[in-house]
């Protein structure tokens, strides 16, 4: 086999592999999405905001010094 046919075969195999991995990732996403826990509170709170289920919201602490201002 000459170099061109080897490179063409490699490109074909990599392309098919990428498509297979993409389809598998999409199927895994759909499976995970269907297994997501349902909300216990189907209705939002009185202020209209849903409270997070999985994570606690991150609130950064305020600093009194701004490191960029010292330059």
PDB file of N, CA and C in Angstrom:
ATOM      1  N   UNK A   1       0.841  -1.191   0.000  1.00  0.00           N
ATOM      2  CA  UNK A   1       0.000   0.000   0.000  1.00  0.00           C
ATOM      3  C   UNK A   1       0.879   1.246   0.000  1.00  0.00           C
ATOM      4  N   UNK A   2       0.471   2.174  -0.786  1.00  0.00           N
ATOM      5  CA  UNK A   2       1.244   3.408  -0.798  1.00  0.00           C
ATOM      6  C   UNK A   2       0.730   4.348   0.303  1.00  0.00           C
ATOM      7  N   UNK A   3       1.399   5.447   0.476  1.00  0.00           N
ATOM      8  CA  UNK A   3       1.141   6.362   1.583  1.00  0.00           C
ATOM      9  C   UNK A   3      -0.257   6.972   1.505  1.00  0.00           C
ATOM     10  N   UNK A   4      -0.722   7.299   0.324  1.00  0.00           N
ATOM     11  CA  UNK A   4      -2.031   7.938   0.157  1.00  0.00           C
ATOM     12  C   UNK A   4      -3.154   7.020   0.629  1.00  0.00           C
ATOM     13  N   UNK A   5      -3.092   5.761   0.275  1.00  0.00           N
ATOM     14  CA  UNK A   5      -4.159   4.839   0.682  1.00  0.00           C
ATOM     15  C   UNK A   5      -4.109   4.567   2.181  1.00  0.00           C
ATOM     16  N   UNK A   6      -2.929   4.550   2.766  1.00  0.00           N
ATOM     17  CA  UNK A   6      -2.817   4.378   4.215  1.00  0.00           C
ATOM     18  C   UNK A   6      -3.433   5.570   4.933  1.00  0.00           C
ATOM     19  N   UNK A   7      -3.106   6.780   4.489  1.00  0.00           N
ATOM     20  CA  UNK A   7      -3.663   7.980   5.110  1.00  0.00           C
ATOM     21  C   UNK A   7      -5.175   8.053   4.914  1.00  0.00           C
ATOM     22  N   UNK A   8      -5.660   7.668   3.747  1.00  0.00           N
ATOM     23  CA  UNK A   8      -7.102   7.669   3.503  1.00  0.00           C
ATOM     24  C   UNK A   8      -7.809   6.669   4.414  1.00  0.00           C
ATOM     25  N   UNK A   9      -7.201   5.516   4.624  1.00  0.00           N
ATOM     26  CA  UNK A   9      -7.786   4.518   5.523  1.00  0.00           C
ATOM     27  C   UNK A   9      -7.809   5.023   6.961  1.00  0.00           C
ATOM     28  N   UNK A  10      -6.739   5.666   7.398  1.00  0.00           N
ATOM     29  CA  UNK A  10      -6.685   6.217   8.749  1.00  0.00           C
ATOM     30  C   UNK A  10      -7.754   7.284   8.930  1.00  0.00           C
ATOM     31  N   UNK A  11      -7.907   8.171   7.971  1.00  0.00           N
ATOM     32  CA  UNK A  11      -8.922   9.227   8.058  1.00  0.00           C
ATOM     33  C   UNK A  11     -10.321   8.624   8.098  1.00  0.00           C
ATOM     34  N   UNK A  12     -10.570   7.602   7.304  1.00  0.00           N
ATOM     35  CA  UNK A  12     -11.877   6.950   7.295  1.00  0.00           C
ATOM     36  C   UNK A  12     -12.172   6.293   8.646  1.00  0.00           C
ATOM     37  N   UNK A  13     -11.209   5.598   9.206  1.00  0.00           N
ATOM     38  CA  UNK A  13     -11.407   4.924  10.492  1.00  0.00           C
ATOM     39  C   UNK A  13     -11.626   5.941  11.610  1.00  0.00           C
ATOM     40  N   UNK A  14     -10.868   7.023  11.603  1.00  0.00           N
ATOM     41  CA  UNK A  14     -11.020   8.056  12.628  1.00  0.00           C
ATOM     42  C   UNK A  14     -12.387   8.726  12.509  1.00  0.00           C
ATOM     43  N   UNK A  15     -12.847   8.985  11.282  1.00  0.00           N
ATOM     44  CA  UNK A  15     -14.156   9.602  11.081  1.00  0.00           C
ATOM     45  C   UNK A  15     -15.271   8.686  11.562  1.00  0.00           C
ATOM     46  N   UNK A  16     -15.213   7.428  11.234  1.00  0.00           N
ATOM     47  CA  UNK A  16     -16.237   6.483  11.678  1.00  0.00           C
ATOM     48  C   UNK A  16     -16.192   6.339  13.201  1.00  0.00           C
ATOM     49  N   UNK A  17     -15.003   6.301  13.771  1.00  0.00           N
ATOM     50  CA  UNK A  17     -14.880   6.223  15.229  1.00  0.00           C
ATOM     51  C   UNK A  17     -15.463   7.442  15.920  1.00  0.00           C
ATOM     52  N   UNK A  18     -15.240   8.618  15.351  1.00  0.00           N
ATOM     53  CA  UNK A  18     -15.791   9.844  15.917  1.00  0.00           C
ATOM     54  C   UNK A  18     -17.312   9.813  15.878  1.00  0.00           C
ATOM     55  N   UNK A  19     -17.880   9.362  14.786  1.00  0.00           N
ATOM     56  CA  UNK A  19     -19.331   9.261  14.693  1.00  0.00           C
ATOM     57  C   UNK A  19     -19.890   8.270  15.709  1.00  0.00           C
ATOM     58  N   UNK A  20     -19.229   7.144  15.891  1.00  0.00           N
ATOM     59  CA  UNK A  20     -19.690   6.146  16.861  1.00  0.00           C
ATOM     60  C   UNK A  20     -19.631   6.715  18.277  1.00  0.00           C
ATOM     61  N   UNK A  21     -18.555   7.400  18.622  1.00  0.00           N
ATOM     62  CA  UNK A  21     -18.428   7.995  19.947  1.00  0.00           C
ATOM     63  C   UNK A  21     -19.487   9.085  20.145  1.00  0.00           C
ATOM     64  N   UNK A  22     -19.761   9.867  19.120  1.00  0.00           N
ATOM     65  CA  UNK A  22     -20.791  10.901  19.217  1.00  0.00           C
ATOM     66  C   UNK A  22     -22.173  10.317  19.455  1.00  0.00           C
ATOM     67  N   UNK A  23     -22.515   9.262  18.746  1.00  0.00           N
ATOM     68  CA  UNK A  23     -23.819   8.617  18.929  1.00  0.00           C
ATOM     69  C   UNK A  23     -23.899   7.989  20.322  1.00  0.00           C
ATOM     70  N   UNK A  24     -22.826   7.381  20.786  1.00  0.00           N
ATOM     71  CA  UNK A  24     -22.813   6.788  22.123  1.00  0.00           C
ATOM     72  C   UNK A  24     -22.952   7.868  23.204  1.00  0.00           C
ATOM     73  N   UNK A  25     -22.303   8.998  23.018  1.00  0.00           N
ATOM     74  CA  UNK A  25     -22.407  10.084  23.994  1.00  0.00           C
ATOM     75  C   UNK A  25     -23.824  10.644  24.026  1.00  0.00           C
ATOM     76  N   UNK A  26     -24.449  10.770  22.873  1.00  0.00           N
ATOM     77  CA  UNK A  26     -25.828  11.261  22.829  1.00  0.00           C
ATOM     78  C   UNK A  26     -26.771  10.269  23.504  1.00  0.00           C
ATOM     79  N   UNK A  27     -26.570   8.978  23.272  1.00  0.00           N
ATOM     80  CA  UNK A  27     -27.410   7.962  23.912  1.00  0.00           C
ATOM     81  C   UNK A  27     -27.212   7.983  25.425  1.00  0.00           C
ATOM     82  N   UNK A  28     -25.979   8.148  25.887  1.00  0.00           N
ATOM     83  CA  UNK A  28     -25.715   8.225  27.321  1.00  0.00           C
ATOM     84  C   UNK A  28     -26.354   9.475  27.921  1.00  0.00           C
ATOM     85  N   UNK A  29     -26.334  10.584  27.191  1.00  0.00           N
ATOM     86  CA  UNK A  29     -26.978  11.812  27.662  1.00  0.00           C
ATOM     87  C   UNK A  29     -28.477  11.613  27.797  1.00  0.00           C
ATOM     88  N   UNK A  30     -29.094  11.003  26.809  1.00  0.00           N
ATOM     89  CA  UNK A  30     -30.532  10.768  26.861  1.00  0.00           C
ATOM     90  C   UNK A  30     -30.893   9.815  27.993  1.00  0.00           C
ATOM     91  N   UNK A  31     -30.074   8.792  28.220  1.00  0.00           N
ATOM     92  CA  UNK A  31     -30.316   7.858  29.309  1.00  0.00           C
ATOM     93  C   UNK A  31     -30.209   8.568  30.652  1.00  0.00           C
ATOM     94  N   UNK A  32     -29.188   9.404  30.800  1.00  0.00           N
ATOM     95  CA  UNK A  32     -29.020  10.154  32.044  1.00  0.00           C
ATOM     96  C   UNK A  32     -30.146  11.154  32.233  1.00  0.00           C
ATOM     97  N   UNK A  33     -30.581  11.781  31.166  1.00  0.00           N
ATOM     98  CA  UNK A  33     -31.656  12.760  31.243  1.00  0.00           C
ATOM     99  C   UNK A  33     -32.972  12.104  31.657  1.00  0.00           C
ATOM    100  N   UNK A  34     -33.209  10.882  31.212  1.00  0.00           N
ATOM    101  CA  UNK A  34     -34.451  10.212  31.569  1.00  0.00           C
ATOM    102  C   UNK A  34     -34.428   9.706  33.007  1.00  0.00           C
ATOM    103  N   UNK A  35     -33.237   9.540  33.587  1.00  0.00           N
ATOM    104  CA  UNK A  35     -33.129   9.056  34.957  1.00  0.00           C
ATOM    105  C   UNK A  35     -32.997  10.191  35.964  1.00  0.00           C
ATOM    106  N   UNK A  36     -33.094  11.446  35.526  1.00  0.00           N
ATOM    107  CA  UNK A  36     -32.939  12.595  36.405  1.00  0.00           C
ATOM    108  C   UNK A  36     -34.041  12.583  37.464  1.00  0.00           C
ATOM    109  N   UNK A  37     -33.709  12.852  38.726  1.00  0.00           N
ATOM    110  CA  UNK A  37     -34.735  12.861  39.758  1.00  0.00           C
ATOM    111  C   UNK A  37     -35.771  13.949  39.497  1.00  0.00           C
ATOM    112  N   UNK A  38     -37.009  13.616  39.762  1.00  0.00           N
ATOM    113  CA  UNK A  38     -38.093  14.576  39.567  1.00  0.00           C
ATOM    114  C   UNK A  38     -38.159  15.523  40.758  1.00  0.00           C
ATOM    115  N   UNK A  39     -38.614  16.718  40.514  1.00  0.00           N
ATOM    116  CA  UNK A  39     -38.757  17.696  41.587  1.00  0.00           C
ATOM    117  C   UNK A  39     -39.870  17.285  42.537  1.00  0.00           C
ATOM    118  N   UNK A  40     -39.606  17.447  43.819  1.00  0.00           N
ATOM    119  CA  UNK A  40     -40.658  17.199  44.790  1.00  0.00           C
ATOM    120  C   UNK A  40     -41.653  18.346  44.794  1.00  0.00           C
ATOM    121  N   UNK A  41     -41.129  19.560  44.611  1.00  0.00           N
ATOM    122  CA  UNK A  41     -42.011  20.721  44.549  1.00  0.00           C
ATOM    123  C   UNK A  41     -42.248  21.061  43.088  1.00  0.00           C
ATOM    124  N   UNK A  42     -43.382  20.643  42.575  1.00  0.00           N
ATOM    125  CA  UNK A  42     -43.687  20.889  41.165  1.00  0.00           C
ATOM    126  C   UNK A  42     -43.957  22.363  40.904  1.00  0.00           C
ATOM    127  N   UNK A  43     -44.300  23.078  41.936  1.00  0.00           N
ATOM    128  CA  UNK A  43     -44.602  24.501  41.793  1.00  0.00           C
ATOM    129  C   UNK A  43     -43.483  25.320  42.416  1.00  0.00           C
ATOM    130  N   UNK A  44     -43.164  26.458  41.823  1.00  0.00           N
ATOM    131  CA  UNK A  44     -42.094  27.279  42.396  1.00  0.00           C
ATOM    132  C   UNK A  44     -42.497  27.871  43.743  1.00  0.00           C
ATOM    133  N   UNK A  45     -41.522  28.416  44.421  1.00  0.00           N
ATOM    134  CA  UNK A  45     -41.781  29.045  45.717  1.00  0.00           C
ATOM    135  C   UNK A  45     -42.664  30.271  45.526  1.00  0.00           C
ATOM    136  N   UNK A  46     -43.017  30.922  46.617  1.00  0.00           N
ATOM    137  CA  UNK A  46     -43.924  32.063  46.559  1.00  0.00           C
ATOM    138  C   UNK A  46     -43.352  33.197  45.711  1.00  0.00           C
ATOM    139  N   UNK A  47     -42.038  33.338  45.689  1.00  0.00           N
ATOM    140  CA  UNK A  47     -41.443  34.416  44.899  1.00  0.00           C
ATOM    141  C   UNK A  47     -41.242  34.019  43.435  1.00  0.00           C
ATOM    142  N   UNK A  48     -41.638  32.798  43.044  1.00  0.00           N
ATOM    143  CA  UNK A  48     -41.579  32.374  41.649  1.00  0.00           C
ATOM    144  C   UNK A  48     -40.264  31.762  41.233  1.00  0.00           C
ATOM    145  N   UNK A  49     -39.363  31.522  42.182  1.00  0.00           N
ATOM    146  CA  UNK A  49     -38.044  30.993  41.859  1.00  0.00           C
ATOM    147  C   UNK A  49     -37.963  29.556  42.348  1.00  0.00           C
ATOM    148  N   UNK A  50     -37.474  28.654  41.474  1.00  0.00           N
ATOM    149  CA  UNK A  50     -37.242  27.277  41.890  1.00  0.00           C
ATOM    150  C   UNK A  50     -35.952  27.220  42.688  1.00  0.00           C
ATOM    151  N   UNK A  51     -35.961  26.502  43.770  1.00  0.00           N
ATOM    152  CA  UNK A  51     -34.741  26.323  44.547  1.00  0.00           C
ATOM    153  C   UNK A  51     -33.917  25.212  43.911  1.00  0.00           C
ATOM    154  N   UNK A  52     -32.575  25.297  43.933  1.00  0.00           N
ATOM    155  CA  UNK A  52     -31.739  24.272  43.306  1.00  0.00           C
ATOM    156  C   UNK A  52     -31.863  22.933  44.025  1.00  0.00           C
ATOM    157  N   UNK A  53     -31.802  21.847  43.248  1.00  0.00           N
ATOM    158  CA  UNK A  53     -31.893  20.511  43.819  1.00  0.00           C
ATOM    159  C   UNK A  53     -30.505  19.979  44.151  1.00  0.00           C
ATOM    160  N   UNK A  54     -29.581  20.059  43.206  1.00  0.00           N
ATOM    161  CA  UNK A  54     -28.312  19.360  43.308  1.00  0.00           C
ATOM    162  C   UNK A  54     -27.222  20.163  43.998  1.00  0.00           C
ATOM    163  N   UNK A  55     -27.126  21.438  43.702  1.00  0.00           N
ATOM    164  CA  UNK A  55     -25.980  22.218  44.144  1.00  0.00           C
ATOM    165  C   UNK A  55     -26.396  23.377  45.029  1.00  0.00           C
ATOM    166  N   UNK A  56     -25.480  23.778  45.876  1.00  0.00           N
ATOM    167  CA  UNK A  56     -25.669  24.998  46.645  1.00  0.00           C
ATOM    168  C   UNK A  56     -25.108  26.152  45.818  1.00  0.00           C
ATOM    169  N   UNK A  57     -25.813  27.260  45.706  1.00  0.00           N
ATOM    170  CA  UNK A  57     -25.293  28.379  44.917  1.00  0.00           C
ATOM    171  C   UNK A  57     -24.012  28.935  45.542  1.00  0.00           C
ATOM    172  N   UNK A  58     -23.077  29.273  44.692  1.00  0.00           N
ATOM    173  CA  UNK A  58     -21.807  29.823  45.142  1.00  0.00           C
ATOM    174  C   UNK A  58     -21.925  31.328  45.233  1.00  0.00           C
ATOM    175  N   UNK A  59     -21.619  31.874  46.386  1.00  0.00           N
ATOM    176  CA  UNK A  59     -21.582  33.322  46.543  1.00  0.00           C
ATOM    177  C   UNK A  59     -20.174  33.698  46.977  1.00  0.00           C
ATOM    178  N   UNK A  60     -19.454  34.431  46.142  1.00  0.00           N
ATOM    179  CA  UNK A  60     -18.064  34.777  46.473  1.00  0.00           C
ATOM    180  C   UNK A  60     -18.029  35.779  47.632  1.00  0.00           C
ATOM    181  N   UNK A  61     -16.972  35.676  48.401  1.00  0.00           N
ATOM    182  CA  UNK A  61     -16.799  36.619  49.507  1.00  0.00           C
ATOM    183  C   UNK A  61     -16.195  37.902  48.965  1.00  0.00           C
ATOM    184  N   UNK A  62     -16.564  38.976  49.587  1.00  0.00           N
ATOM    185  CA  UNK A  62     -16.027  40.267  49.145  1.00  0.00           C
ATOM    186  C   UNK A  62     -14.673  40.501  49.789  1.00  0.00           C
ATOM    187  N   UNK A  63     -13.775  41.058  49.026  1.00  0.00           N
ATOM    188  CA  UNK A  63     -12.472  41.432  49.563  1.00  0.00           C
ATOM    189  C   UNK A  63     -12.398  42.945  49.643  1.00  0.00           C
ATOM    190  N   UNK A  64     -11.661  43.426  50.592  1.00  0.00           N
ATOM    191  CA  UNK A  64     -11.543  44.873  50.744  1.00  0.00           C
ATOM    192  C   UNK A  64     -10.471  45.453  49.832  1.00  0.00           C
ATOM    193  N   UNK A  65      -9.526  44.584  49.408  1.00  0.00           N
ATOM    194  CA  UNK A  65      -8.452  45.050  48.532  1.00  0.00           C
ATOM    195  C   UNK A  65      -8.699  44.549  47.131  1.00  0.00           C
ATOM    196  N   UNK A  66      -8.392  45.359  46.165  1.00  0.00           N
ATOM    197  CA  UNK A  66      -8.460  44.964  44.762  1.00  0.00           C
ATOM    198  C   UNK A  66      -7.022  44.800  44.278  1.00  0.00           C
ATOM    199  N   UNK A  67      -6.614  43.538  43.972  1.00  0.00           N
ATOM    200  CA  UNK A  67      -5.209  43.330  43.561  1.00  0.00           C
ATOM    201  C   UNK A  67      -4.851  44.062  42.269  1.00  0.00           C
ATOM    202  N   UNK A  68      -5.807  44.305  41.405  1.00  0.00           N
ATOM    203  CA  UNK A  68      -5.508  44.986  40.153  1.00  0.00           C
ATOM    204  C   UNK A  68      -5.233  46.463  40.380  1.00  0.00           C
ATOM    205  N   UNK A  69      -5.761  47.022  41.475  1.00  0.00           N
ATOM    206  CA  UNK A  69      -5.583  48.458  41.732  1.00  0.00           C
ATOM    207  C   UNK A  69      -4.185  48.774  42.227  1.00  0.00           C
ATOM    208  N   UNK A  70      -3.438  47.794  42.705  1.00  0.00           N
ATOM    209  CA  UNK A  70      -2.096  48.067  43.238  1.00  0.00           C
ATOM    210  C   UNK A  70      -1.053  48.199  42.157  1.00  0.00           C
ATOM    211  N   UNK A  71      -1.405  47.895  40.944  1.00  0.00           N
ATOM    212  CA  UNK A  71      -0.400  47.954  39.850  1.00  0.00           C
ATOM    213  C   UNK A  71      -0.192  49.365  39.370  1.00  0.00           C
TER     214      UNK A  71
END
